[in-house]
């Protein structure tokens, strides 16, 4: 991999003939924003606490590019609208999407490891 994330997506099939599209990889900034979104706001010196309400929703919001569900989703919508659409879907559909996202993240991590293994480390 290079030093920049090339915007790319992967489309997966959902049940009932639907689809979902995720970002292939996140940028550093997207990863940081996702992590920060999963924490309760704290004051300096306080211990950060995980916001359990966001632990599954925030990764879906961060990776999601498009889907064929009845609520519109695309990267050009404001984050608040995309967030509301995700929170409005039924639990079974969300669980299916979240499971696919976990599989997607694992597959992309494996791909990175394979690519890194193909690169020779050379001292300079």
PDB file of N, CA and C in Angstrom:
ATOM      1  N   UNK A   1       0.838  -1.190   0.000  1.00  0.00           N
ATOM      2  CA  UNK A   1       0.000   0.000   0.000  1.00  0.00           C
ATOM      3  C   UNK A   1       0.872   1.238   0.000  1.00  0.00           C
ATOM      4  N   UNK A   2       0.356   2.285  -0.612  1.00  0.00           N
ATOM      5  CA  UNK A   2       1.071   3.548  -0.630  1.00  0.00           C
ATOM      6  C   UNK A   2       0.800   4.318   0.646  1.00  0.00           C
ATOM      7  N   UNK A   3       1.172   5.590   0.627  1.00  0.00           N
ATOM      8  CA  UNK A   3       0.966   6.396   1.819  1.00  0.00           C
ATOM      9  C   UNK A   3      -0.384   7.104   1.836  1.00  0.00           C
ATOM     10  N   UNK A   4      -1.149   6.994   0.757  1.00  0.00           N
ATOM     11  CA  UNK A   4      -2.484   7.579   0.699  1.00  0.00           C
ATOM     12  C   UNK A   4      -3.524   6.487   0.467  1.00  0.00           C
ATOM     13  N   UNK A   5      -4.700   6.669   1.033  1.00  0.00           N
ATOM     14  CA  UNK A   5      -5.795   5.725   0.810  1.00  0.00           C
ATOM     15  C   UNK A   5      -6.484   6.124  -0.487  1.00  0.00           C
ATOM     16  N   UNK A   6      -6.506   5.211  -1.432  1.00  0.00           N
ATOM     17  CA  UNK A   6      -7.207   5.429  -2.691  1.00  0.00           C
ATOM     18  C   UNK A   6      -8.686   5.138  -2.442  1.00  0.00           C
ATOM     19  N   UNK A   7      -9.575   6.114  -2.699  1.00  0.00           N
ATOM     20  CA  UNK A   7     -10.999   5.844  -2.468  1.00  0.00           C
ATOM     21  C   UNK A   7     -11.480   4.683  -3.335  1.00  0.00           C
ATOM     22  N   UNK A   8     -11.953   3.655  -2.689  1.00  0.00           N
ATOM     23  CA  UNK A   8     -12.457   2.481  -3.382  1.00  0.00           C
ATOM     24  C   UNK A   8     -13.550   1.874  -2.520  1.00  0.00           C
ATOM     25  N   UNK A   9     -14.499   1.215  -3.150  1.00  0.00           N
ATOM     26  CA  UNK A   9     -15.600   0.604  -2.416  1.00  0.00           C
ATOM     27  C   UNK A   9     -15.758  -0.848  -2.832  1.00  0.00           C
ATOM     28  N   UNK A  10     -16.444  -1.590  -1.979  1.00  0.00           N
ATOM     29  CA  UNK A  10     -16.783  -2.976  -2.272  1.00  0.00           C
ATOM     30  C   UNK A  10     -18.269  -3.142  -1.996  1.00  0.00           C
ATOM     31  N   UNK A  11     -18.958  -3.781  -2.941  1.00  0.00           N
ATOM     32  CA  UNK A  11     -20.398  -4.010  -2.799  1.00  0.00           C
ATOM     33  C   UNK A  11     -20.618  -5.450  -2.350  1.00  0.00           C
ATOM     34  N   UNK A  12     -21.508  -5.608  -1.360  1.00  0.00           N
ATOM     35  CA  UNK A  12     -21.877  -6.913  -0.834  1.00  0.00           C
ATOM     36  C   UNK A  12     -23.383  -7.116  -0.992  1.00  0.00           C
ATOM     37  N   UNK A  13     -23.766  -8.360  -1.134  1.00  0.00           N
ATOM     38  CA  UNK A  13     -25.187  -8.704  -1.221  1.00  0.00           C
ATOM     39  C   UNK A  13     -25.774  -8.853   0.169  1.00  0.00           C
ATOM     40  N   UNK A  14     -26.955  -8.303   0.334  1.00  0.00           N
ATOM     41  CA  UNK A  14     -27.746  -8.495   1.547  1.00  0.00           C
ATOM     42  C   UNK A  14     -28.892  -9.454   1.209  1.00  0.00           C
ATOM     43  N   UNK A  15     -29.605  -9.893   2.205  1.00  0.00           N
ATOM     44  CA  UNK A  15     -30.772 -10.739   1.967  1.00  0.00           C
ATOM     45  C   UNK A  15     -31.827  -9.966   1.171  1.00  0.00           C
ATOM     46  N   UNK A  16     -32.759 -10.685   0.617  1.00  0.00           N
ATOM     47  CA  UNK A  16     -33.888 -10.126  -0.129  1.00  0.00           C
ATOM     48  C   UNK A  16     -33.444  -9.330  -1.362  1.00  0.00           C
ATOM     49  N   UNK A  17     -32.301  -9.711  -1.948  1.00  0.00           N
ATOM     50  CA  UNK A  17     -31.837  -9.083  -3.177  1.00  0.00           C
ATOM     51  C   UNK A  17     -31.299  -7.678  -3.013  1.00  0.00           C
ATOM     52  N   UNK A  18     -31.035  -7.260  -1.804  1.00  0.00           N
ATOM     53  CA  UNK A  18     -30.520  -5.910  -1.550  1.00  0.00           C
ATOM     54  C   UNK A  18     -28.997  -5.923  -1.558  1.00  0.00           C
ATOM     55  N   UNK A  19     -28.393  -4.722  -1.529  1.00  0.00           N
ATOM     56  CA  UNK A  19     -26.935  -4.624  -1.475  1.00  0.00           C
ATOM     57  C   UNK A  19     -26.513  -3.526  -0.503  1.00  0.00           C
ATOM     58  N   UNK A  20     -25.251  -3.582  -0.149  1.00  0.00           N
ATOM     59  CA  UNK A  20     -24.612  -2.535   0.656  1.00  0.00           C
ATOM     60  C   UNK A  20     -23.220  -2.317   0.099  1.00  0.00           C
ATOM     61  N   UNK A  21     -22.739  -1.101   0.171  1.00  0.00           N
ATOM     62  CA  UNK A  21     -21.410  -0.767  -0.336  1.00  0.00           C
ATOM     63  C   UNK A  21     -20.610  -0.105   0.781  1.00  0.00           C
ATOM     64  N   UNK A  22     -19.422  -0.655   1.047  1.00  0.00           N
ATOM     65  CA  UNK A  22     -18.540  -0.119   2.082  1.00  0.00           C
ATOM     66  C   UNK A  22     -17.282   0.459   1.458  1.00  0.00           C
ATOM     67  N   UNK A  23     -16.670   1.417   2.160  1.00  0.00           N
ATOM     68  CA  UNK A  23     -15.334   1.877   1.783  1.00  0.00           C
ATOM     69  C   UNK A  23     -14.399   0.689   1.966  1.00  0.00           C
ATOM     70  N   UNK A  24     -13.470   0.532   1.047  1.00  0.00           N
ATOM     71  CA  UNK A  24     -12.521  -0.574   1.158  1.00  0.00           C
ATOM     72  C   UNK A  24     -11.607  -0.345   2.358  1.00  0.00           C
ATOM     73  N   UNK A  25     -11.038   0.829   2.455  1.00  0.00           N
ATOM     74  CA  UNK A  25     -10.160   1.193   3.572  1.00  0.00           C
ATOM     75  C   UNK A  25     -10.541   2.571   4.079  1.00  0.00           C
ATOM     76  N   UNK A  26     -10.247   2.845   5.331  1.00  0.00           N
ATOM     77  CA  UNK A  26     -10.445   4.173   5.907  1.00  0.00           C
ATOM     78  C   UNK A  26      -9.137   4.942   5.893  1.00  0.00           C
ATOM     79  N   UNK A  27      -9.245   6.261   5.812  1.00  0.00           N
ATOM     80  CA  UNK A  27      -8.074   7.107   6.000  1.00  0.00           C
ATOM     81  C   UNK A  27      -7.782   7.184   7.497  1.00  0.00           C
ATOM     82  N   UNK A  28      -6.639   7.730   7.834  1.00  0.00           N
ATOM     83  CA  UNK A  28      -6.310   7.916   9.247  1.00  0.00           C
ATOM     84  C   UNK A  28      -7.363   8.810   9.913  1.00  0.00           C
ATOM     85  N   UNK A  29      -7.736   9.883   9.235  1.00  0.00           N
ATOM     86  CA  UNK A  29      -8.724  10.808   9.797  1.00  0.00           C
ATOM     87  C   UNK A  29     -10.071  10.141  10.026  1.00  0.00           C
ATOM     88  N   UNK A  30     -10.506   9.316   9.073  1.00  0.00           N
ATOM     89  CA  UNK A  30     -11.776   8.602   9.240  1.00  0.00           C
ATOM     90  C   UNK A  30     -11.712   7.637  10.423  1.00  0.00           C
ATOM     91  N   UNK A  31     -10.578   6.957  10.568  1.00  0.00           N
ATOM     92  CA  UNK A  31     -10.405   6.037  11.709  1.00  0.00           C
ATOM     93  C   UNK A  31     -10.441   6.792  13.031  1.00  0.00           C
ATOM     94  N   UNK A  32      -9.769   7.947  13.067  1.00  0.00           N
ATOM     95  CA  UNK A  32      -9.746   8.766  14.288  1.00  0.00           C
ATOM     96  C   UNK A  32     -11.152   9.266  14.626  1.00  0.00           C
ATOM     97  N   UNK A  33     -11.877   9.758  13.615  1.00  0.00           N
ATOM     98  CA  UNK A  33     -13.236  10.252  13.844  1.00  0.00           C
ATOM     99  C   UNK A  33     -14.148   9.132  14.328  1.00  0.00           C
ATOM    100  N   UNK A  34     -13.993   7.936  13.750  1.00  0.00           N
ATOM    101  CA  UNK A  34     -14.805   6.800  14.163  1.00  0.00           C
ATOM    102  C   UNK A  34     -14.525   6.462  15.631  1.00  0.00           C
ATOM    103  N   UNK A  35     -13.259   6.401  15.987  1.00  0.00           N
ATOM    104  CA  UNK A  35     -12.900   6.086  17.377  1.00  0.00           C
ATOM    105  C   UNK A  35     -13.414   7.150  18.336  1.00  0.00           C
ATOM    106  N   UNK A  36     -13.243   8.407  17.976  1.00  0.00           N
ATOM    107  CA  UNK A  36     -13.708   9.498  18.837  1.00  0.00           C
ATOM    108  C   UNK A  36     -15.220   9.467  18.996  1.00  0.00           C
ATOM    109  N   UNK A  37     -15.928   9.086  17.941  1.00  0.00           N
ATOM    110  CA  UNK A  37     -17.385   9.024  17.994  1.00  0.00           C
ATOM    111  C   UNK A  37     -17.913   7.930  18.902  1.00  0.00           C
ATOM    112  N   UNK A  38     -17.048   6.995  19.274  1.00  0.00           N
ATOM    113  CA  UNK A  38     -17.474   5.897  20.142  1.00  0.00           C
ATOM    114  C   UNK A  38     -17.194   6.187  21.612  1.00  0.00           C
ATOM    115  N   UNK A  39     -16.716   7.410  21.917  1.00  0.00           N
ATOM    116  CA  UNK A  39     -16.418   7.776  23.296  1.00  0.00           C
ATOM    117  C   UNK A  39     -17.343   8.879  23.777  1.00  0.00           C
ATOM    118  N   UNK A  40     -17.669   8.847  25.065  1.00  0.00           N
ATOM    119  CA  UNK A  40     -18.420   9.946  25.668  1.00  0.00           C
ATOM    120  C   UNK A  40     -17.480  11.143  25.766  1.00  0.00           C
ATOM    121  N   UNK A  41     -17.976  12.350  25.582  1.00  0.00           N
ATOM    122  CA  UNK A  41     -17.117  13.534  25.776  1.00  0.00           C
ATOM    123  C   UNK A  41     -16.623  13.589  27.228  1.00  0.00           C
ATOM    124  N   UNK A  42     -15.347  13.907  27.393  1.00  0.00           N
ATOM    125  CA  UNK A  42     -14.762  14.003  28.733  1.00  0.00           C
ATOM    126  C   UNK A  42     -13.973  15.297  28.847  1.00  0.00           C
ATOM    127  N   UNK A  43     -13.734  15.697  30.074  1.00  0.00           N
ATOM    128  CA  UNK A  43     -12.905  16.864  30.349  1.00  0.00           C
ATOM    129  C   UNK A  43     -11.454  16.408  30.465  1.00  0.00           C
ATOM    130  N   UNK A  44     -10.535  17.339  30.325  1.00  0.00           N
ATOM    131  CA  UNK A  44      -9.106  17.029  30.433  1.00  0.00           C
ATOM    132  C   UNK A  44      -8.837  16.350  31.773  1.00  0.00           C
ATOM    133  N   UNK A  45      -8.120  15.254  31.714  1.00  0.00           N
ATOM    134  CA  UNK A  45      -7.766  14.513  32.915  1.00  0.00           C
ATOM    135  C   UNK A  45      -8.739  13.403  33.275  1.00  0.00           C
ATOM    136  N   UNK A  46      -9.929  13.398  32.660  1.00  0.00           N
ATOM    137  CA  UNK A  46     -10.892  12.337  32.926  1.00  0.00           C
ATOM    138  C   UNK A  46     -10.587  11.127  32.050  1.00  0.00           C
ATOM    139  N   UNK A  47     -10.978   9.978  32.518  1.00  0.00           N
ATOM    140  CA  UNK A  47     -10.798   8.755  31.749  1.00  0.00           C
ATOM    141  C   UNK A  47     -11.904   8.642  30.708  1.00  0.00           C
ATOM    142  N   UNK A  48     -11.532   8.455  29.438  1.00  0.00           N
ATOM    143  CA  UNK A  48     -12.573   8.298  28.403  1.00  0.00           C
ATOM    144  C   UNK A  48     -13.413   7.051  28.651  1.00  0.00           C
ATOM    145  N   UNK A  49     -14.709   7.161  28.429  1.00  0.00           N
ATOM    146  CA  UNK A  49     -15.631   6.044  28.582  1.00  0.00           C
ATOM    147  C   UNK A  49     -16.258   5.731  27.233  1.00  0.00           C
ATOM    148  N   UNK A  50     -16.359   4.445  26.942  1.00  0.00           N
ATOM    149  CA  UNK A  50     -16.959   4.015  25.682  1.00  0.00           C
ATOM    150  C   UNK A  50     -18.454   4.293  25.725  1.00  0.00           C
ATOM    151  N   UNK A  51     -18.952   4.871  24.651  1.00  0.00           N
ATOM    152  CA  UNK A  51     -20.381   5.109  24.495  1.00  0.00           C
ATOM    153  C   UNK A  51     -20.966   3.864  23.835  1.00  0.00           C
ATOM    154  N   UNK A  52     -21.529   2.988  24.638  1.00  0.00           N
ATOM    155  CA  UNK A  52     -21.998   1.697  24.119  1.00  0.00           C
ATOM    156  C   UNK A  52     -23.084   1.855  23.064  1.00  0.00           C
ATOM    157  N   UNK A  53     -23.787   2.979  23.066  1.00  0.00           N
ATOM    158  CA  UNK A  53     -24.808   3.239  22.054  1.00  0.00           C
ATOM    159  C   UNK A  53     -24.179   3.389  20.663  1.00  0.00           C
ATOM    160  N   UNK A  54     -22.928   3.758  20.609  1.00  0.00           N
ATOM    161  CA  UNK A  54     -22.253   4.025  19.334  1.00  0.00           C
ATOM    162  C   UNK A  54     -21.310   2.915  18.888  1.00  0.00           C
ATOM    163  N   UNK A  55     -21.068   1.930  19.712  1.00  0.00           N
ATOM    164  CA  UNK A  55     -20.023   0.940  19.450  1.00  0.00           C
ATOM    165  C   UNK A  55     -20.255   0.156  18.160  1.00  0.00           C
ATOM    166  N   UNK A  56     -21.506  -0.023  17.752  1.00  0.00           N
ATOM    167  CA  UNK A  56     -21.784  -0.719  16.495  1.00  0.00           C
ATOM    168  C   UNK A  56     -22.235   0.254  15.403  1.00  0.00           C
ATOM    169  N   UNK A  57     -22.941   1.309  15.789  1.00  0.00           N
ATOM    170  CA  UNK A  57     -23.468   2.250  14.798  1.00  0.00           C
ATOM    171  C   UNK A  57     -22.359   3.073  14.151  1.00  0.00           C
ATOM    172  N   UNK A  58     -21.402   3.544  14.926  1.00  0.00           N
ATOM    173  CA  UNK A  58     -20.355   4.432  14.404  1.00  0.00           C
ATOM    174  C   UNK A  58     -19.513   3.767  13.314  1.00  0.00           C
ATOM    175  N   UNK A  59     -19.079   2.498  13.456  1.00  0.00           N
ATOM    176  CA  UNK A  59     -18.336   1.874  12.352  1.00  0.00           C
ATOM    177  C   UNK A  59     -19.168   1.750  11.073  1.00  0.00           C
ATOM    178  N   UNK A  60     -20.441   1.410  11.209  1.00  0.00           N
ATOM    179  CA  UNK A  60     -21.299   1.313  10.018  1.00  0.00           C
ATOM    180  C   UNK A  60     -21.394   2.688   9.361  1.00  0.00           C
ATOM    181  N   UNK A  61     -21.620   3.722  10.145  1.00  0.00           N
ATOM    182  CA  UNK A  61     -21.701   5.081   9.615  1.00  0.00           C
ATOM    183  C   UNK A  61     -20.414   5.466   8.888  1.00  0.00           C
ATOM    184  N   UNK A  62     -19.281   5.090   9.431  1.00  0.00           N
ATOM    185  CA  UNK A  62     -17.996   5.472   8.858  1.00  0.00           C
ATOM    186  C   UNK A  62     -17.701   4.738   7.557  1.00  0.00           C
ATOM    187  N   UNK A  63     -17.983   3.459   7.498  1.00  0.00           N
ATOM    188  CA  UNK A  63     -17.668   2.651   6.312  1.00  0.00           C
ATOM    189  C   UNK A  63     -18.732   2.733   5.216  1.00  0.00           C
ATOM    190  N   UNK A  64     -19.981   2.980   5.577  1.00  0.00           N
ATOM    191  CA  UNK A  64     -21.098   2.910   4.639  1.00  0.00           C
ATOM    192  C   UNK A  64     -21.015   3.980   3.547  1.00  0.00           C
ATOM    193  N   UNK A  65     -21.140   3.538   2.302  1.00  0.00           N
ATOM    194  CA  UNK A  65     -21.148   4.449   1.156  1.00  0.00           C
ATOM    195  C   UNK A  65     -22.538   4.478   0.521  1.00  0.00           C
ATOM    196  N   UNK A  66     -23.148   3.312   0.352  1.00  0.00           N
ATOM    197  CA  UNK A  66     -24.456   3.232  -0.299  1.00  0.00           C
ATOM    198  C   UNK A  66     -25.128   1.927   0.099  1.00  0.00           C
ATOM    199  N   UNK A  67     -26.456   1.903  -0.089  1.00  0.00           N
ATOM    200  CA  UNK A  67     -27.214   0.680   0.097  1.00  0.00           C
ATOM    201  C   UNK A  67     -28.481   0.764  -0.726  1.00  0.00           C
ATOM    202  N   UNK A  68     -29.162  -0.345  -0.860  1.00  0.00           N
ATOM    203  CA  UNK A  68     -30.395  -0.363  -1.653  1.00  0.00           C
ATOM    204  C   UNK A  68     -31.638  -0.407  -0.756  1.00  0.00           C
ATOM    205  N   UNK A  69     -31.511  -0.006   0.487  1.00  0.00           N
ATOM    206  CA  UNK A  69     -32.659   0.041   1.390  1.00  0.00           C
ATOM    207  C   UNK A  69     -33.527   1.255   1.031  1.00  0.00           C
ATOM    208  N   UNK A  70     -34.708   1.327   1.607  1.00  0.00           N
ATOM    209  CA  UNK A  70     -35.653   2.384   1.223  1.00  0.00           C
ATOM    210  C   UNK A  70     -35.212   3.776   1.659  1.00  0.00           C
ATOM    211  N   UNK A  71     -34.409   3.897   2.711  1.00  0.00           N
ATOM    212  CA  UNK A  71     -33.902   5.206   3.130  1.00  0.00           C
ATOM    213  C   UNK A  71     -32.646   5.537   2.339  1.00  0.00           C
ATOM    214  N   UNK A  72     -32.552   6.756   1.819  1.00  0.00           N
ATOM    215  CA  UNK A  72     -31.385   7.091   1.000  1.00  0.00           C
ATOM    216  C   UNK A  72     -30.105   7.216   1.831  1.00  0.00           C
ATOM    217  N   UNK A  73     -29.027   6.702   1.256  1.00  0.00           N
ATOM    218  CA  UNK A  73     -27.702   6.852   1.857  1.00  0.00           C
ATOM    219  C   UNK A  73     -26.732   7.121   0.724  1.00  0.00           C
ATOM    220  N   UNK A  74     -25.941   8.155   0.895  1.00  0.00           N
ATOM    221  CA  UNK A  74     -24.806   8.381   0.007  1.00  0.00           C
ATOM    222  C   UNK A  74     -23.840   9.301   0.737  1.00  0.00           C
ATOM    223  N   UNK A  75     -22.582   9.309   0.330  1.00  0.00           N
ATOM    224  CA  UNK A  75     -21.576  10.076   1.069  1.00  0.00           C
ATOM    225  C   UNK A  75     -21.792  11.588   1.038  1.00  0.00           C
ATOM    226  N   UNK A  76     -22.678  12.075   0.164  1.00  0.00           N
ATOM    227  CA  UNK A  76     -22.886  13.518   0.057  1.00  0.00           C
ATOM    228  C   UNK A  76     -23.957  14.033   1.017  1.00  0.00           C
ATOM    229  N   UNK A  77     -24.703  13.118   1.634  1.00  0.00           N
ATOM    230  CA  UNK A  77     -25.680  13.523   2.644  1.00  0.00           C
ATOM    231  C   UNK A  77     -24.942  13.937   3.912  1.00  0.00           C
ATOM    232  N   UNK A  78     -25.477  14.891   4.652  1.00  0.00           N
ATOM    233  CA  UNK A  78     -24.854  15.246   5.934  1.00  0.00           C
ATOM    234  C   UNK A  78     -24.792  14.024   6.863  1.00  0.00           C
ATOM    235  N   UNK A  79     -23.755  13.979   7.687  1.00  0.00           N
ATOM    236  CA  UNK A  79     -23.577  12.847   8.601  1.00  0.00           C
ATOM    237  C   UNK A  79     -24.818  12.620   9.462  1.00  0.00           C
ATOM    238  N   UNK A  80     -25.444  13.683   9.920  1.00  0.00           N
ATOM    239  CA  UNK A  80     -26.620  13.539  10.783  1.00  0.00           C
ATOM    240  C   UNK A  80     -27.755  12.803  10.063  1.00  0.00           C
ATOM    241  N   UNK A  81     -27.934  13.055   8.774  1.00  0.00           N
ATOM    242  CA  UNK A  81     -28.980  12.356   8.013  1.00  0.00           C
ATOM    243  C   UNK A  81     -28.628  10.891   7.820  1.00  0.00           C
ATOM    244  N   UNK A  82     -27.362  10.611   7.517  1.00  0.00           N
ATOM    245  CA  UNK A  82     -26.941   9.218   7.352  1.00  0.00           C
ATOM    246  C   UNK A  82     -27.094   8.459   8.661  1.00  0.00           C
ATOM    247  N   UNK A  83     -26.718   9.113   9.757  1.00  0.00           N
ATOM    248  CA  UNK A  83     -26.830   8.518  11.084  1.00  0.00           C
ATOM    249  C   UNK A  83     -28.293   8.166  11.388  1.00  0.00           C
ATOM    250  N   UNK A  84     -29.200   9.101  11.131  1.00  0.00           N
ATOM    251  CA  UNK A  84     -30.629   8.870  11.386  1.00  0.00           C
ATOM    252  C   UNK A  84     -31.165   7.718  10.534  1.00  0.00           C
ATOM    253  N   UNK A  85     -30.708   7.619   9.287  1.00  0.00           N
ATOM    254  CA  UNK A  85     -31.150   6.518   8.424  1.00  0.00           C
ATOM    255  C   UNK A  85     -30.696   5.176   8.983  1.00  0.00           C
ATOM    256  N   UNK A  86     -29.464   5.104   9.443  1.00  0.00           N
ATOM    257  CA  UNK A  86     -28.949   3.854  10.020  1.00  0.00           C
ATOM    258  C   UNK A  86     -29.739   3.490  11.271  1.00  0.00           C
ATOM    259  N   UNK A  87     -30.002   4.458  12.118  1.00  0.00           N
ATOM    260  CA  UNK A  87     -30.726   4.190  13.365  1.00  0.00           C
ATOM    261  C   UNK A  87     -32.191   3.826  13.114  1.00  0.00           C
ATOM    262  N   UNK A  88     -32.715   4.171  11.937  1.00  0.00           N
ATOM    263  CA  UNK A  88     -34.128   3.928  11.641  1.00  0.00           C
ATOM    264  C   UNK A  88     -34.409   2.531  11.089  1.00  0.00           C
ATOM    265  N   UNK A  89     -33.368   1.805  10.666  1.00  0.00           N
ATOM    266  CA  UNK A  89     -33.624   0.482  10.089  1.00  0.00           C
ATOM    267  C   UNK A  89     -33.934  -0.526  11.193  1.00  0.00           C
ATOM    268  N   UNK A  90     -34.549  -1.634  10.820  1.00  0.00           N
ATOM    269  CA  UNK A  90     -34.901  -2.640  11.819  1.00  0.00           C
ATOM    270  C   UNK A  90     -33.652  -3.380  12.304  1.00  0.00           C
ATOM    271  N   UNK A  91     -33.758  -3.976  13.472  1.00  0.00           N
ATOM    272  CA  UNK A  91     -32.614  -4.628  14.120  1.00  0.00           C
ATOM    273  C   UNK A  91     -32.032  -5.774  13.301  1.00  0.00           C
ATOM    274  N   UNK A  92     -32.886  -6.571  12.671  1.00  0.00           N
ATOM    275  CA  UNK A  92     -32.391  -7.697  11.875  1.00  0.00           C
ATOM    276  C   UNK A  92     -31.545  -7.204  10.701  1.00  0.00           C
ATOM    277  N   UNK A  93     -32.013  -6.164  10.025  1.00  0.00           N
ATOM    278  CA  UNK A  93     -31.245  -5.614   8.909  1.00  0.00           C
ATOM    279  C   UNK A  93     -29.933  -5.021   9.402  1.00  0.00           C
ATOM    280  N   UNK A  94     -29.996  -4.285  10.516  1.00  0.00           N
ATOM    281  CA  UNK A  94     -28.757  -3.712  11.057  1.00  0.00           C
ATOM    282  C   UNK A  94     -27.772  -4.816  11.423  1.00  0.00           C
ATOM    283  N   UNK A  95     -28.244  -5.861  12.077  1.00  0.00           N
ATOM    284  CA  UNK A  95     -27.355  -6.959  12.468  1.00  0.00           C
ATOM    285  C   UNK A  95     -26.714  -7.617  11.251  1.00  0.00           C
ATOM    286  N   UNK A  96     -27.481  -7.756  10.178  1.00  0.00           N
ATOM    287  CA  UNK A  96     -26.932  -8.319   8.942  1.00  0.00           C
ATOM    288  C   UNK A  96     -25.830  -7.401   8.392  1.00  0.00           C
ATOM    289  N   UNK A  97     -26.083  -6.106   8.377  1.00  0.00           N
ATOM    290  CA  UNK A  97     -25.103  -5.130   7.877  1.00  0.00           C
ATOM    291  C   UNK A  97     -23.866  -5.126   8.756  1.00  0.00           C
ATOM    292  N   UNK A  98     -24.061  -5.116  10.067  1.00  0.00           N
ATOM    293  CA  UNK A  98     -22.918  -5.079  10.981  1.00  0.00           C
ATOM    294  C   UNK A  98     -22.065  -6.340  10.845  1.00  0.00           C
ATOM    295  N   UNK A  99     -22.709  -7.483  10.698  1.00  0.00           N
ATOM    296  CA  UNK A  99     -21.967  -8.737  10.494  1.00  0.00           C
ATOM    297  C   UNK A  99     -21.149  -8.701   9.216  1.00  0.00           C
ATOM    298  N   UNK A 100     -21.735  -8.180   8.139  1.00  0.00           N
ATOM    299  CA  UNK A 100     -20.990  -8.038   6.880  1.00  0.00           C
ATOM    300  C   UNK A 100     -19.820  -7.076   7.039  1.00  0.00           C
ATOM    301  N   UNK A 101     -20.042  -6.010   7.804  1.00  0.00           N
ATOM    302  CA  UNK A 101     -18.949  -5.044   8.022  1.00  0.00           C
ATOM    303  C   UNK A 101     -17.800  -5.702   8.777  1.00  0.00           C
ATOM    304  N   UNK A 102     -18.095  -6.486   9.782  1.00  0.00           N
ATOM    305  CA  UNK A 102     -17.032  -7.182  10.521  1.00  0.00           C
ATOM    306  C   UNK A 102     -16.252  -8.115   9.595  1.00  0.00           C
ATOM    307  N   UNK A 103     -16.955  -8.837   8.737  1.00  0.00           N
ATOM    308  CA  UNK A 103     -16.308  -9.714   7.763  1.00  0.00           C
ATOM    309  C   UNK A 103     -15.458  -8.896   6.791  1.00  0.00           C
ATOM    310  N   UNK A 104     -15.992  -7.772   6.341  1.00  0.00           N
ATOM    311  CA  UNK A 104     -15.275  -6.877   5.423  1.00  0.00           C
ATOM    312  C   UNK A 104     -13.984  -6.367   6.057  1.00  0.00           C
ATOM    313  N   UNK A 105     -14.055  -5.886   7.289  1.00  0.00           N
ATOM    314  CA  UNK A 105     -12.873  -5.357   7.970  1.00  0.00           C
ATOM    315  C   UNK A 105     -11.822  -6.442   8.121  1.00  0.00           C
ATOM    316  N   UNK A 106     -12.227  -7.636   8.502  1.00  0.00           N
ATOM    317  CA  UNK A 106     -11.278  -8.753   8.640  1.00  0.00           C
ATOM    318  C   UNK A 106     -10.619  -9.082   7.304  1.00  0.00           C
ATOM    319  N   UNK A 107     -11.405  -9.111   6.240  1.00  0.00           N
ATOM    320  CA  UNK A 107     -10.860  -9.417   4.909  1.00  0.00           C
ATOM    321  C   UNK A 107      -9.875  -8.347   4.460  1.00  0.00           C
ATOM    322  N   UNK A 108     -10.157  -7.079   4.735  1.00  0.00           N
ATOM    323  CA  UNK A 108      -9.257  -5.996   4.327  1.00  0.00           C
ATOM    324  C   UNK A 108      -7.965  -6.016   5.147  1.00  0.00           C
ATOM    325  N   UNK A 109      -8.074  -6.372   6.429  1.00  0.00           N
ATOM    326  CA  UNK A 109      -6.870  -6.510   7.263  1.00  0.00           C
ATOM    327  C   UNK A 109      -5.994  -7.643   6.740  1.00  0.00           C
ATOM    328  N   UNK A 110      -6.617  -8.751   6.359  1.00  0.00           N
ATOM    329  CA  UNK A 110      -5.873  -9.881   5.790  1.00  0.00           C
ATOM    330  C   UNK A 110      -5.203  -9.475   4.486  1.00  0.00           C
ATOM    331  N   UNK A 111      -5.923  -8.728   3.652  1.00  0.00           N
ATOM    332  CA  UNK A 111      -5.356  -8.255   2.387  1.00  0.00           C
ATOM    333  C   UNK A 111      -4.137  -7.372   2.639  1.00  0.00           C
ATOM    334  N   UNK A 112      -4.221  -6.484   3.622  1.00  0.00           N
ATOM    335  CA  UNK A 112      -3.083  -5.614   3.966  1.00  0.00           C
ATOM    336  C   UNK A 112      -1.883  -6.442   4.402  1.00  0.00           C
ATOM    337  N   UNK A 113      -2.128  -7.469   5.215  1.00  0.00           N
ATOM    338  CA  UNK A 113      -1.031  -8.325   5.687  1.00  0.00           C
ATOM    339  C   UNK A 113      -0.369  -9.044   4.522  1.00  0.00           C
ATOM    340  N   UNK A 114      -1.177  -9.544   3.599  1.00  0.00           N
ATOM    341  CA  UNK A 114      -0.613 -10.228   2.431  1.00  0.00           C
ATOM    342  C   UNK A 114       0.211  -9.271   1.582  1.00  0.00           C
ATOM    343  N   UNK A 115      -0.291  -8.056   1.402  1.00  0.00           N
ATOM    344  CA  UNK A 115       0.438  -7.060   0.616  1.00  0.00           C
ATOM    345  C   UNK A 115       1.731  -6.655   1.310  1.00  0.00           C
ATOM    346  N   UNK A 116       1.688  -6.521   2.625  1.00  0.00           N
ATOM    347  CA  UNK A 116       2.885  -6.149   3.377  1.00  0.00           C
ATOM    348  C   UNK A 116       3.927  -7.259   3.327  1.00  0.00           C
ATOM    349  N   UNK A 117       3.452  -8.509   3.339  1.00  0.00           N
ATOM    350  CA  UNK A 117       4.369  -9.648   3.261  1.00  0.00           C
ATOM    351  C   UNK A 117       5.068  -9.732   1.926  1.00  0.00           C
ATOM    352  N   UNK A 118       4.434  -9.213   0.886  1.00  0.00           N
ATOM    353  CA  UNK A 118       5.030  -9.237  -0.450  1.00  0.00           C
ATOM    354  C   UNK A 118       6.102  -8.168  -0.611  1.00  0.00           C
ATOM    355  N   UNK A 119       6.114  -7.202   0.290  1.00  0.00           N
ATOM    356  CA  UNK A 119       7.082  -6.116   0.217  1.00  0.00           C
ATOM    357  C   UNK A 119       8.318  -6.493   1.037  1.00  0.00           C
ATOM    358  N   UNK A 120       9.466  -6.343   0.456  1.00  0.00           N
ATOM    359  CA  UNK A 120      10.708  -6.635   1.163  1.00  0.00           C
ATOM    360  C   UNK A 120      11.117  -5.410   1.995  1.00  0.00           C
ATOM    361  N   UNK A 121      11.516  -5.636   3.222  1.00  0.00           N
ATOM    362  CA  UNK A 121      12.005  -4.571   4.080  1.00  0.00           C
ATOM    363  C   UNK A 121      13.474  -4.359   3.766  1.00  0.00           C
ATOM    364  N   UNK A 122      13.829  -3.165   3.357  1.00  0.00           N
ATOM    365  CA  UNK A 122      15.198  -2.855   2.965  1.00  0.00           C
ATOM    366  C   UNK A 122      15.715  -1.740   3.857  1.00  0.00           C
ATOM    367  N   UNK A 123      16.847  -1.990   4.487  1.00  0.00           N
ATOM    368  CA  UNK A 123      17.459  -0.950   5.318  1.00  0.00           C
ATOM    369  C   UNK A 123      18.061   0.129   4.425  1.00  0.00           C
ATOM    370  N   UNK A 124      17.933   1.366   4.874  1.00  0.00           N
ATOM    371  CA  UNK A 124      18.529   2.465   4.083  1.00  0.00           C
ATOM    372  C   UNK A 124      19.581   3.181   4.880  1.00  0.00           C
TER     373      UNK A 124
END
